[in-house]
Amino acid sequence: MNKFPLWIRKNWSTVIMIAVLILLWVNPDAKAWVMRQMISTGLFNSKIEEKTKESSLVPPNFSVKNENGEITETSQLRGKVVFINFWASWCPPCRAEFPSVQKFYDAYKTNQNLVFLTVNLDDEMILGKNYLQKEKFTIPFVVPDSSIPKELYSGSLPTTVILDKTGKIRMHHSGMADYSKDSFYQEIEQLLKE
């Protein structure tokens, strides 16, 4: 029995590393914190594409519904820039990028020419709502009301898509990113002017 405390003293750094790895393995908030630090490096930034005939695709119509049951179709949003973010409360990369999505929303929520569709893909709507309330996020969320076109979402969370005012896809980013950077805001401003 006396050997175990001696072993811990000799291998304290290994014990700490194992404890940290176990924490990261079992705790989604810990994973999200590490991923948020990675996002802050700028390695995971997304970029809005320049408008060209070939690169822009108009996806099929897609409808979503908010918690009050009100339905919105993407085809109704022509004339506005549409920010679509597919996420789930159990997804650590989604949790990692959500503070930047909230910051982006806070900066543009009064702009009538920009629509936010944060599409929750949890099995039950209440799971997404509880997560947002727990973290004190105020961005409104929606759930799919029709099948999601593969042009918008192919199964990777998080996925973010930006549609320009004509309904064409100008950005499609799978994986986490930082949407609170000035460079991203400048790209959004450019889209809003088109």
C-alpha atoms as a PDB file:
ATOM      1  CA  MET A   1       0.000   0.000   0.000  1.00  0.00           C
ATOM      2  CA  ASN A   2       2.899   2.394   0.671  1.00  0.00           C
ATOM      3  CA  LYS A   3       4.121   2.016  -2.907  1.00  0.00           C
ATOM      4  CA  PHE A   4       1.097   3.747  -4.442  1.00  0.00           C
ATOM      5  CA  PRO A   5       1.652   7.212  -2.842  1.00  0.00           C
ATOM      6  CA  LEU A   6       5.320   6.941  -3.761  1.00  0.00           C
ATOM      7  CA  TRP A   7       4.415   6.092  -7.356  1.00  0.00           C
ATOM      8  CA  ILE A   8       2.049   9.113  -7.516  1.00  0.00           C
ATOM      9  CA  ARG A   9       4.774  11.441  -6.225  1.00  0.00           C
ATOM     10  CA  LYS A  10       7.214  10.163  -8.828  1.00  0.00           C
ATOM     11  CA  ASN A  11       4.669  10.290 -11.659  1.00  0.00           C
ATOM     12  CA  TRP A  12       2.566  13.320 -10.734  1.00  0.00           C
ATOM     13  CA  SER A  13       2.728  14.795 -14.243  1.00  0.00           C
ATOM     14  CA  THR A  14       1.420  11.552 -15.758  1.00  0.00           C
ATOM     15  CA  VAL A  15      -1.422  11.473 -13.226  1.00  0.00           C
ATOM     16  CA  ILE A  16      -2.387  15.063 -14.089  1.00  0.00           C
ATOM     17  CA  MET A  17      -2.248  14.344 -17.838  1.00  0.00           C
ATOM     18  CA  ILE A  18      -4.457  11.265 -17.434  1.00  0.00           C
ATOM     19  CA  ALA A  19      -6.952  13.269 -15.334  1.00  0.00           C
ATOM     20  CA  VAL A  20      -7.090  16.015 -17.979  1.00  0.00           C
ATOM     21  CA  LEU A  21      -7.605  13.476 -20.780  1.00  0.00           C
ATOM     22  CA  ILE A  22     -10.404  11.777 -18.846  1.00  0.00           C
ATOM     23  CA  LEU A  23     -12.046  15.170 -18.236  1.00  0.00           C
ATOM     24  CA  LEU A  24     -11.834  16.027 -21.935  1.00  0.00           C
ATOM     25  CA  TRP A  25     -13.214  12.635 -22.858  1.00  0.00           C
ATOM     26  CA  VAL A  26     -16.299  12.798 -20.645  1.00  0.00           C
ATOM     27  CA  ASN A  27     -17.133  16.510 -20.394  1.00  0.00           C
ATOM     28  CA  PRO A  28     -18.499  18.277 -23.510  1.00  0.00           C
ATOM     29  CA  ASP A  29     -17.967  21.706 -21.917  1.00  0.00           C
ATOM     30  CA  ALA A  30     -14.275  20.932 -21.373  1.00  0.00           C
ATOM     31  CA  LYS A  31     -13.963  19.809 -25.009  1.00  0.00           C
ATOM     32  CA  ALA A  32     -15.730  22.978 -26.130  1.00  0.00           C
ATOM     33  CA  TRP A  33     -13.359  25.142 -24.074  1.00  0.00           C
ATOM     34  CA  VAL A  34     -10.296  23.532 -25.711  1.00  0.00           C
ATOM     35  CA  MET A  35     -11.864  23.900 -29.153  1.00  0.00           C
ATOM     36  CA  ARG A  36     -12.731  27.550 -28.428  1.00  0.00           C
ATOM     37  CA  GLN A  37      -9.037  28.164 -27.705  1.00  0.00           C
ATOM     38  CA  MET A  38      -8.191  26.550 -31.049  1.00  0.00           C
ATOM     39  CA  ILE A  39     -10.749  28.753 -32.838  1.00  0.00           C
ATOM     40  CA  SER A  40      -9.212  31.865 -31.327  1.00  0.00           C
ATOM     41  CA  THR A  41      -5.939  31.134 -33.153  1.00  0.00           C
ATOM     42  CA  GLY A  42      -7.617  32.001 -36.465  1.00  0.00           C
ATOM     43  CA  LEU A  43      -6.882  28.608 -38.035  1.00  0.00           C
ATOM     44  CA  PHE A  44     -10.573  27.760 -38.362  1.00  0.00           C
ATOM     45  CA  ASN A  45     -11.877  30.911 -40.024  1.00  0.00           C
ATOM     46  CA  SER A  46     -14.368  30.647 -42.843  1.00  0.00           C
ATOM     47  CA  LYS A  47     -14.429  32.852 -45.920  1.00  0.00           C
ATOM     48  CA  ILE A  48     -17.294  34.220 -47.987  1.00  0.00           C
ATOM     49  CA  GLU A  49     -16.700  33.577 -51.678  1.00  0.00           C
ATOM     50  CA  GLU A  50     -16.631  36.295 -54.285  1.00  0.00           C
ATOM     51  CA  LYS A  51     -19.692  36.327 -56.511  1.00  0.00           C
ATOM     52  CA  THR A  52     -19.144  34.408 -59.754  1.00  0.00           C
ATOM     53  CA  LYS A  53     -21.522  32.667 -62.127  1.00  0.00           C
ATOM     54  CA  GLU A  54     -20.053  29.229 -61.529  1.00  0.00           C
ATOM     55  CA  SER A  55     -19.509  29.281 -57.778  1.00  0.00           C
ATOM     56  CA  SER A  56     -22.962  30.395 -56.672  1.00  0.00           C
ATOM     57  CA  LEU A  57     -25.687  27.812 -56.336  1.00  0.00           C
ATOM     58  CA  VAL A  58     -29.301  28.413 -55.312  1.00  0.00           C
ATOM     59  CA  PRO A  59     -30.253  25.497 -53.030  1.00  0.00           C
ATOM     60  CA  PRO A  60     -33.758  24.000 -52.988  1.00  0.00           C
ATOM     61  CA  ASN A  61     -36.255  25.655 -50.673  1.00  0.00           C
ATOM     62  CA  PHE A  62     -35.940  24.718 -47.008  1.00  0.00           C
ATOM     63  CA  SER A  63     -38.405  25.458 -44.230  1.00  0.00           C
ATOM     64  CA  VAL A  64     -37.826  25.842 -40.501  1.00  0.00           C
ATOM     65  CA  LYS A  65     -40.081  26.453 -37.541  1.00  0.00           C
ATOM     66  CA  ASN A  66     -39.487  28.367 -34.329  1.00  0.00           C
ATOM     67  CA  GLU A  67     -40.638  27.287 -30.870  1.00  0.00           C
ATOM     68  CA  ASN A  68     -43.980  29.092 -31.406  1.00  0.00           C
ATOM     69  CA  GLY A  69     -44.643  26.970 -34.509  1.00  0.00           C
ATOM     70  CA  GLU A  70     -44.133  29.837 -36.981  1.00  0.00           C
ATOM     71  CA  ILE A  71     -42.722  28.523 -40.275  1.00  0.00           C
ATOM     72  CA  THR A  72     -40.129  30.336 -42.379  1.00  0.00           C
ATOM     73  CA  GLU A  73     -39.048  29.246 -45.847  1.00  0.00           C
ATOM     74  CA  THR A  74     -35.695  30.219 -47.304  1.00  0.00           C
ATOM     75  CA  SER A  75     -37.413  31.223 -50.558  1.00  0.00           C
ATOM     76  CA  GLN A  76     -39.293  33.934 -48.579  1.00  0.00           C
ATOM     77  CA  LEU A  77     -35.993  35.474 -47.504  1.00  0.00           C
ATOM     78  CA  ARG A  78     -34.800  36.626 -50.919  1.00  0.00           C
ATOM     79  CA  GLY A  79     -33.562  40.203 -50.754  1.00  0.00           C
ATOM     80  CA  LYS A  80     -31.841  39.497 -47.428  1.00  0.00           C
ATOM     81  CA  VAL A  81     -28.541  37.906 -46.461  1.00  0.00           C
ATOM     82  CA  VAL A  82     -29.242  34.658 -44.591  1.00  0.00           C
ATOM     83  CA  PHE A  83     -26.880  33.182 -41.991  1.00  0.00           C
ATOM     84  CA  ILE A  84     -27.738  29.506 -41.424  1.00  0.00           C
ATOM     85  CA  ASN A  85     -25.965  27.584 -38.672  1.00  0.00           C
ATOM     86  CA  PHE A  86     -26.711  23.884 -38.102  1.00  0.00           C
ATOM     87  CA  TRP A  87     -25.869  22.857 -34.530  1.00  0.00           C
ATOM     88  CA  ALA A  88     -26.779  20.547 -31.650  1.00  0.00           C
ATOM     89  CA  SER A  89     -26.446  20.981 -27.896  1.00  0.00           C
ATOM     90  CA  TRP A  90     -24.450  17.748 -27.497  1.00  0.00           C
ATOM     91  CA  CYS A  91     -21.844  18.748 -30.126  1.00  0.00           C
ATOM     92  CA  PRO A  92     -18.570  20.082 -28.594  1.00  0.00           C
ATOM     93  CA  PRO A  93     -17.480  21.978 -31.770  1.00  0.00           C
ATOM     94  CA  CYS A  94     -20.932  23.611 -31.866  1.00  0.00           C
ATOM     95  CA  ARG A  95     -20.533  24.645 -28.236  1.00  0.00           C
ATOM     96  CA  ALA A  96     -17.072  25.969 -29.037  1.00  0.00           C
ATOM     97  CA  GLU A  97     -18.228  28.271 -31.832  1.00  0.00           C
ATOM     98  CA  PHE A  98     -21.564  29.338 -30.340  1.00  0.00           C
ATOM     99  CA  PRO A  99     -20.180  32.296 -28.340  1.00  0.00           C
ATOM    100  CA  SER A 100     -18.888  33.769 -31.616  1.00  0.00           C
ATOM    101  CA  VAL A 101     -22.268  33.152 -33.293  1.00  0.00           C
ATOM    102  CA  GLN A 102     -23.944  34.968 -30.371  1.00  0.00           C
ATOM    103  CA  LYS A 103     -21.504  37.868 -30.670  1.00  0.00           C
ATOM    104  CA  PHE A 104     -22.197  38.082 -34.421  1.00  0.00           C
ATOM    105  CA  TYR A 105     -25.935  38.028 -33.720  1.00  0.00           C
ATOM    106  CA  ASP A 106     -25.581  40.782 -31.096  1.00  0.00           C
ATOM    107  CA  ALA A 107     -23.717  42.968 -33.604  1.00  0.00           C
ATOM    108  CA  TYR A 108     -26.306  42.529 -36.407  1.00  0.00           C
ATOM    109  CA  LYS A 109     -29.627  41.650 -34.774  1.00  0.00           C
ATOM    110  CA  THR A 110     -31.114  45.061 -35.604  1.00  0.00           C
ATOM    111  CA  ASN A 111     -30.104  44.887 -39.280  1.00  0.00           C
ATOM    112  CA  GLN A 112     -33.291  44.207 -41.241  1.00  0.00           C
ATOM    113  CA  ASN A 113     -31.307  42.875 -44.226  1.00  0.00           C
ATOM    114  CA  LEU A 114     -29.681  39.997 -42.306  1.00  0.00           C
ATOM    115  CA  VAL A 115     -31.605  36.939 -41.102  1.00  0.00           C
ATOM    116  CA  PHE A 116     -30.259  34.419 -38.593  1.00  0.00           C
ATOM    117  CA  LEU A 117     -31.417  30.808 -38.817  1.00  0.00           C
ATOM    118  CA  THR A 118     -29.667  28.814 -36.104  1.00  0.00           C
ATOM    119  CA  VAL A 119     -31.058  25.369 -36.877  1.00  0.00           C
ATOM    120  CA  ASN A 120     -31.047  23.046 -33.876  1.00  0.00           C
ATOM    121  CA  LEU A 121     -30.673  19.367 -34.779  1.00  0.00           C
ATOM    122  CA  ASP A 122     -31.175  17.850 -31.323  1.00  0.00           C
ATOM    123  CA  ASP A 123     -33.693  15.003 -31.177  1.00  0.00           C
ATOM    124  CA  GLU A 124     -35.982  17.188 -29.079  1.00  0.00           C
ATOM    125  CA  MET A 125     -36.404  20.966 -29.322  1.00  0.00           C
ATOM    126  CA  ILE A 126     -36.298  21.349 -25.537  1.00  0.00           C
ATOM    127  CA  LEU A 127     -32.669  20.131 -25.427  1.00  0.00           C
ATOM    128  CA  GLY A 128     -31.519  23.021 -27.632  1.00  0.00           C
ATOM    129  CA  LYS A 129     -33.663  25.503 -25.728  1.00  0.00           C
ATOM    130  CA  ASN A 130     -32.290  24.323 -22.370  1.00  0.00           C
ATOM    131  CA  TYR A 131     -28.699  24.618 -23.602  1.00  0.00           C
ATOM    132  CA  LEU A 132     -29.225  28.190 -24.847  1.00  0.00           C
ATOM    133  CA  GLN A 133     -30.906  29.200 -21.585  1.00  0.00           C
ATOM    134  CA  LYS A 134     -28.179  27.572 -19.457  1.00  0.00           C
ATOM    135  CA  GLU A 135     -25.456  29.440 -21.373  1.00  0.00           C
ATOM    136  CA  LYS A 136     -27.543  32.672 -21.466  1.00  0.00           C
ATOM    137  CA  PHE A 137     -27.486  32.867 -25.284  1.00  0.00           C
ATOM    138  CA  THR A 138     -30.243  35.051 -26.714  1.00  0.00           C
ATOM    139  CA  ILE A 139     -30.031  34.154 -30.395  1.00  0.00           C
ATOM    140  CA  PRO A 140     -33.350  32.699 -31.558  1.00  0.00           C
ATOM    141  CA  PHE A 141     -33.277  29.131 -32.793  1.00  0.00           C
ATOM    142  CA  VAL A 142     -35.360  27.075 -35.180  1.00  0.00           C
ATOM    143  CA  VAL A 143     -35.780  23.402 -36.055  1.00  0.00           C
ATOM    144  CA  PRO A 144     -36.204  21.862 -39.520  1.00  0.00           C
ATOM    145  CA  ASP A 145     -39.765  21.723 -40.801  1.00  0.00           C
ATOM    146  CA  SER A 146     -38.847  19.966 -44.043  1.00  0.00           C
ATOM    147  CA  SER A 147     -36.020  17.768 -45.211  1.00  0.00           C
ATOM    148  CA  ILE A 148     -32.714  19.636 -45.304  1.00  0.00           C
ATOM    149  CA  PRO A 149     -31.271  19.959 -48.825  1.00  0.00           C
ATOM    150  CA  LYS A 150     -27.888  18.240 -49.170  1.00  0.00           C
ATOM    151  CA  GLU A 151     -26.537  21.458 -50.668  1.00  0.00           C
ATOM    152  CA  LEU A 152     -26.967  23.055 -47.231  1.00  0.00           C
ATOM    153  CA  TYR A 153     -26.177  20.225 -44.843  1.00  0.00           C
ATOM    154  CA  SER A 154     -24.547  16.858 -45.376  1.00  0.00           C
ATOM    155  CA  GLY A 155     -24.288  15.579 -41.802  1.00  0.00           C
ATOM    156  CA  SER A 156     -21.287  17.404 -40.311  1.00  0.00           C
ATOM    157  CA  LEU A 157     -21.872  19.536 -37.215  1.00  0.00           C
ATOM    158  CA  PRO A 158     -21.519  22.434 -37.019  1.00  0.00           C
ATOM    159  CA  THR A 159     -22.175  23.564 -40.573  1.00  0.00           C
ATOM    160  CA  THR A 160     -22.653  27.210 -41.508  1.00  0.00           C
ATOM    161  CA  VAL A 161     -24.075  28.472 -44.782  1.00  0.00           C
ATOM    162  CA  ILE A 162     -24.531  32.045 -45.939  1.00  0.00           C
ATOM    163  CA  LEU A 163     -27.001  32.885 -48.697  1.00  0.00           C
ATOM    164  CA  ASP A 164     -26.734  36.195 -50.516  1.00  0.00           C
ATOM    165  CA  LYS A 165     -29.731  38.383 -51.345  1.00  0.00           C
ATOM    166  CA  THR A 166     -30.469  36.336 -54.486  1.00  0.00           C
ATOM    167  CA  GLY A 167     -30.571  33.106 -52.463  1.00  0.00           C
ATOM    168  CA  LYS A 168     -27.226  31.798 -53.728  1.00  0.00           C
ATOM    169  CA  ILE A 169     -24.779  30.014 -51.452  1.00  0.00           C
ATOM    170  CA  ARG A 170     -21.816  32.327 -50.839  1.00  0.00           C
ATOM    171  CA  MET A 171     -20.269  30.387 -47.979  1.00  0.00           C
ATOM    172  CA  HIS A 172     -20.501  26.752 -46.935  1.00  0.00           C
ATOM    173  CA  HIS A 173     -18.298  25.861 -43.968  1.00  0.00           C
ATOM    174  CA  SER A 174     -18.316  22.475 -42.237  1.00  0.00           C
ATOM    175  CA  GLY A 175     -16.698  22.499 -38.826  1.00  0.00           C
ATOM    176  CA  MET A 176     -16.172  25.151 -36.201  1.00  0.00           C
ATOM    177  CA  ALA A 177     -15.169  28.735 -36.982  1.00  0.00           C
ATOM    178  CA  ASP A 178     -15.004  32.147 -35.366  1.00  0.00           C
ATOM    179  CA  TYR A 179     -17.816  34.426 -36.566  1.00  0.00           C
ATOM    180  CA  SER A 180     -16.873  37.323 -34.294  1.00  0.00           C
ATOM    181  CA  LYS A 181     -13.818  38.545 -36.218  1.00  0.00           C
ATOM    182  CA  ASP A 182     -13.707  41.974 -37.870  1.00  0.00           C
ATOM    183  CA  SER A 183     -12.633  40.347 -41.146  1.00  0.00           C
ATOM    184  CA  PHE A 184     -15.856  38.283 -41.159  1.00  0.00           C
ATOM    185  CA  TYR A 185     -17.941  41.378 -40.381  1.00  0.00           C
ATOM    186  CA  GLN A 186     -16.321  43.164 -43.347  1.00  0.00           C
ATOM    187  CA  GLU A 187     -17.323  40.279 -45.631  1.00  0.00           C
ATOM    188  CA  ILE A 188     -20.899  40.454 -44.284  1.00  0.00           C
ATOM    189  CA  GLU A 189     -20.978  44.228 -44.850  1.00  0.00           C
ATOM    190  CA  GLN A 190     -19.901  43.631 -48.462  1.00  0.00           C
ATOM    191  CA  LEU A 191     -22.687  41.092 -48.948  1.00  0.00           C
ATOM    192  CA  LEU A 192     -25.227  43.478 -47.460  1.00  0.00           C
ATOM    193  CA  LYS A 193     -24.191  46.135 -50.011  1.00  0.00           C
ATOM    194  CA  GLU A 194     -24.606  43.852 -53.049  1.00  0.00           C
END
